[in-house]
């Protein structure tokens, strides 16, 4: 690629990026105007939960073994599983991100 072609490619890329940014701003303005006005004190809808299969895949990648129980309620996944040391733990995960919020080790009797 010669220098003229490179300048043209970079110039065209910058033009397209600028046009895309402008279009995004215009679309955002229209999208906001279509939304009903929010009443004072009204809470936003919770973010959608990630699929349970994704939570299980994430737990496996983090080294958890057998999962005994998993349920979703109040914006969290509550999980009972074996950790890397073979101990039973209860985990609380954010249902929209999968981020671990709390881990509690149970007594294995």
C-alpha atoms as a PDB file:
ATOM      1  CA  UNK A   1       0.000   0.000   0.000  1.00  0.00           C
ATOM      2  CA  UNK A   2       1.549   3.336  -0.997  1.00  0.00           C
ATOM      3  CA  UNK A   3       1.362   6.455   1.178  1.00  0.00           C
ATOM      4  CA  UNK A   4      -1.468   8.029  -0.875  1.00  0.00           C
ATOM      5  CA  UNK A   5      -3.596   4.905  -0.533  1.00  0.00           C
ATOM      6  CA  UNK A   6      -2.877   4.743   3.193  1.00  0.00           C
ATOM      7  CA  UNK A   7      -3.866   8.416   3.686  1.00  0.00           C
ATOM      8  CA  UNK A   8      -7.063   7.807   1.727  1.00  0.00           C
ATOM      9  CA  UNK A   9      -7.903   4.724   3.795  1.00  0.00           C
ATOM     10  CA  UNK A  10      -7.220   6.552   7.064  1.00  0.00           C
ATOM     11  CA  UNK A  11      -9.140   9.622   5.867  1.00  0.00           C
ATOM     12  CA  UNK A  12     -12.120   7.549   4.752  1.00  0.00           C
ATOM     13  CA  UNK A  13     -12.051   5.577   8.025  1.00  0.00           C
ATOM     14  CA  UNK A  14     -12.086   8.824  10.022  1.00  0.00           C
ATOM     15  CA  UNK A  15     -14.948  10.185   7.914  1.00  0.00           C
ATOM     16  CA  UNK A  16     -16.994   7.025   8.422  1.00  0.00           C
ATOM     17  CA  UNK A  17     -16.265   7.004  12.148  1.00  0.00           C
ATOM     18  CA  UNK A  18     -17.333  10.661  12.431  1.00  0.00           C
ATOM     19  CA  UNK A  19     -20.506  10.003  10.431  1.00  0.00           C
ATOM     20  CA  UNK A  20     -21.285   6.978  12.582  1.00  0.00           C
ATOM     21  CA  UNK A  21     -20.753   8.966  15.771  1.00  0.00           C
ATOM     22  CA  UNK A  22     -23.058  11.707  14.495  1.00  0.00           C
ATOM     23  CA  UNK A  23     -25.701   9.160  13.545  1.00  0.00           C
ATOM     24  CA  UNK A  24     -25.442   7.565  16.988  1.00  0.00           C
ATOM     25  CA  UNK A  25     -26.015  10.935  18.657  1.00  0.00           C
ATOM     26  CA  UNK A  26     -29.035  11.661  16.450  1.00  0.00           C
ATOM     27  CA  UNK A  27     -30.475   8.171  17.059  1.00  0.00           C
ATOM     28  CA  UNK A  28     -29.907   8.580  20.797  1.00  0.00           C
ATOM     29  CA  UNK A  29     -31.774  11.876  20.810  1.00  0.00           C
ATOM     30  CA  UNK A  30     -34.763  10.356  19.038  1.00  0.00           C
ATOM     31  CA  UNK A  31     -34.724   7.254  21.242  1.00  0.00           C
ATOM     32  CA  UNK A  32     -34.823   9.398  24.359  1.00  0.00           C
ATOM     33  CA  UNK A  33     -37.708  11.488  23.059  1.00  0.00           C
ATOM     34  CA  UNK A  34     -39.819   8.342  22.503  1.00  0.00           C
ATOM     35  CA  UNK A  35     -39.485   7.278  26.145  1.00  0.00           C
ATOM     36  CA  UNK A  36     -42.266   8.230  28.562  1.00  0.00           C
ATOM     37  CA  UNK A  37     -41.259  10.653  31.290  1.00  0.00           C
ATOM     38  CA  UNK A  38     -40.306   8.865  34.485  1.00  0.00           C
ATOM     39  CA  UNK A  39     -42.159   9.758  37.639  1.00  0.00           C
ATOM     40  CA  UNK A  40     -40.171  10.951  40.633  1.00  0.00           C
ATOM     41  CA  UNK A  41     -39.278   8.031  42.903  1.00  0.00           C
ATOM     42  CA  UNK A  42     -39.896   5.381  40.226  1.00  0.00           C
ATOM     43  CA  UNK A  43     -37.143   2.784  40.053  1.00  0.00           C
ATOM     44  CA  UNK A  44     -35.592   1.542  36.830  1.00  0.00           C
ATOM     45  CA  UNK A  45     -36.377  -2.003  35.750  1.00  0.00           C
ATOM     46  CA  UNK A  46     -33.683  -4.487  36.821  1.00  0.00           C
ATOM     47  CA  UNK A  47     -31.164  -5.586  34.219  1.00  0.00           C
ATOM     48  CA  UNK A  48     -31.980  -8.916  32.570  1.00  0.00           C
ATOM     49  CA  UNK A  49     -30.456 -11.987  34.190  1.00  0.00           C
ATOM     50  CA  UNK A  50     -27.716 -13.948  32.471  1.00  0.00           C
ATOM     51  CA  UNK A  51     -28.763 -17.512  31.592  1.00  0.00           C
ATOM     52  CA  UNK A  52     -28.325 -20.181  34.253  1.00  0.00           C
ATOM     53  CA  UNK A  53     -26.140 -22.193  31.830  1.00  0.00           C
ATOM     54  CA  UNK A  54     -23.734 -19.246  31.688  1.00  0.00           C
ATOM     55  CA  UNK A  55     -23.577 -19.150  35.497  1.00  0.00           C
ATOM     56  CA  UNK A  56     -22.761 -22.876  35.584  1.00  0.00           C
ATOM     57  CA  UNK A  57     -20.042 -22.450  32.939  1.00  0.00           C
ATOM     58  CA  UNK A  58     -18.563 -19.527  34.888  1.00  0.00           C
ATOM     59  CA  UNK A  59     -18.536 -21.500  38.153  1.00  0.00           C
ATOM     60  CA  UNK A  60     -16.773 -24.416  36.456  1.00  0.00           C
ATOM     61  CA  UNK A  61     -14.160 -22.033  34.994  1.00  0.00           C
ATOM     62  CA  UNK A  62     -13.589 -20.611  38.491  1.00  0.00           C
ATOM     63  CA  UNK A  63     -12.859 -24.087  39.836  1.00  0.00           C
ATOM     64  CA  UNK A  64     -16.121 -25.017  41.508  1.00  0.00           C
ATOM     65  CA  UNK A  65     -17.052 -28.677  41.264  1.00  0.00           C
ATOM     66  CA  UNK A  66     -20.446 -30.202  41.691  1.00  0.00           C
ATOM     67  CA  UNK A  67     -23.329 -27.726  41.902  1.00  0.00           C
ATOM     68  CA  UNK A  68     -26.033 -29.021  44.249  1.00  0.00           C
ATOM     69  CA  UNK A  69     -28.506 -26.207  44.010  1.00  0.00           C
ATOM     70  CA  UNK A  70     -29.016 -23.059  41.971  1.00  0.00           C
ATOM     71  CA  UNK A  71     -31.941 -20.691  42.052  1.00  0.00           C
ATOM     72  CA  UNK A  72     -32.623 -17.124  40.997  1.00  0.00           C
ATOM     73  CA  UNK A  73     -34.551 -14.674  43.117  1.00  0.00           C
ATOM     74  CA  UNK A  74     -34.445 -10.974  43.949  1.00  0.00           C
ATOM     75  CA  UNK A  75     -31.827 -10.204  41.282  1.00  0.00           C
ATOM     76  CA  UNK A  76     -29.378 -12.843  42.549  1.00  0.00           C
ATOM     77  CA  UNK A  77     -28.388 -16.413  41.852  1.00  0.00           C
ATOM     78  CA  UNK A  78     -28.082 -18.430  45.048  1.00  0.00           C
ATOM     79  CA  UNK A  79     -25.766 -21.411  44.507  1.00  0.00           C
ATOM     80  CA  UNK A  80     -24.649 -24.336  46.655  1.00  0.00           C
ATOM     81  CA  UNK A  81     -21.539 -26.052  45.258  1.00  0.00           C
ATOM     82  CA  UNK A  82     -18.184 -27.678  46.076  1.00  0.00           C
ATOM     83  CA  UNK A  83     -15.151 -25.391  45.983  1.00  0.00           C
ATOM     84  CA  UNK A  84     -11.628 -26.394  44.833  1.00  0.00           C
ATOM     85  CA  UNK A  85     -10.897 -27.835  48.279  1.00  0.00           C
ATOM     86  CA  UNK A  86     -13.981 -30.059  48.132  1.00  0.00           C
ATOM     87  CA  UNK A  87     -15.837 -28.050  50.779  1.00  0.00           C
ATOM     88  CA  UNK A  88     -19.475 -27.074  50.332  1.00  0.00           C
ATOM     89  CA  UNK A  89     -20.032 -23.342  49.859  1.00  0.00           C
ATOM     90  CA  UNK A  90     -23.006 -21.109  49.338  1.00  0.00           C
ATOM     91  CA  UNK A  91     -22.523 -18.352  46.781  1.00  0.00           C
ATOM     92  CA  UNK A  92     -24.589 -15.306  46.020  1.00  0.00           C
ATOM     93  CA  UNK A  93     -24.090 -13.988  42.469  1.00  0.00           C
ATOM     94  CA  UNK A  94     -25.443 -10.865  40.796  1.00  0.00           C
ATOM     95  CA  UNK A  95     -27.993 -12.237  38.304  1.00  0.00           C
ATOM     96  CA  UNK A  96     -27.266  -9.616  35.645  1.00  0.00           C
ATOM     97  CA  UNK A  97     -23.441  -9.822  35.703  1.00  0.00           C
ATOM     98  CA  UNK A  98     -22.552 -13.144  37.331  1.00  0.00           C
ATOM     99  CA  UNK A  99     -20.239 -11.326  39.754  1.00  0.00           C
ATOM    100  CA  UNK A 100     -19.832 -13.094  43.101  1.00  0.00           C
ATOM    101  CA  UNK A 101     -21.362 -10.953  45.827  1.00  0.00           C
ATOM    102  CA  UNK A 102     -20.885 -13.268  48.792  1.00  0.00           C
ATOM    103  CA  UNK A 103     -19.335 -16.677  49.568  1.00  0.00           C
ATOM    104  CA  UNK A 104     -20.046 -18.625  52.719  1.00  0.00           C
ATOM    105  CA  UNK A 105     -18.407 -21.932  53.596  1.00  0.00           C
ATOM    106  CA  UNK A 106     -20.658 -24.535  55.207  1.00  0.00           C
ATOM    107  CA  UNK A 107     -19.670 -27.012  57.883  1.00  0.00           C
ATOM    108  CA  UNK A 108     -19.325 -30.443  56.259  1.00  0.00           C
ATOM    109  CA  UNK A 109     -20.405 -32.934  58.892  1.00  0.00           C
END
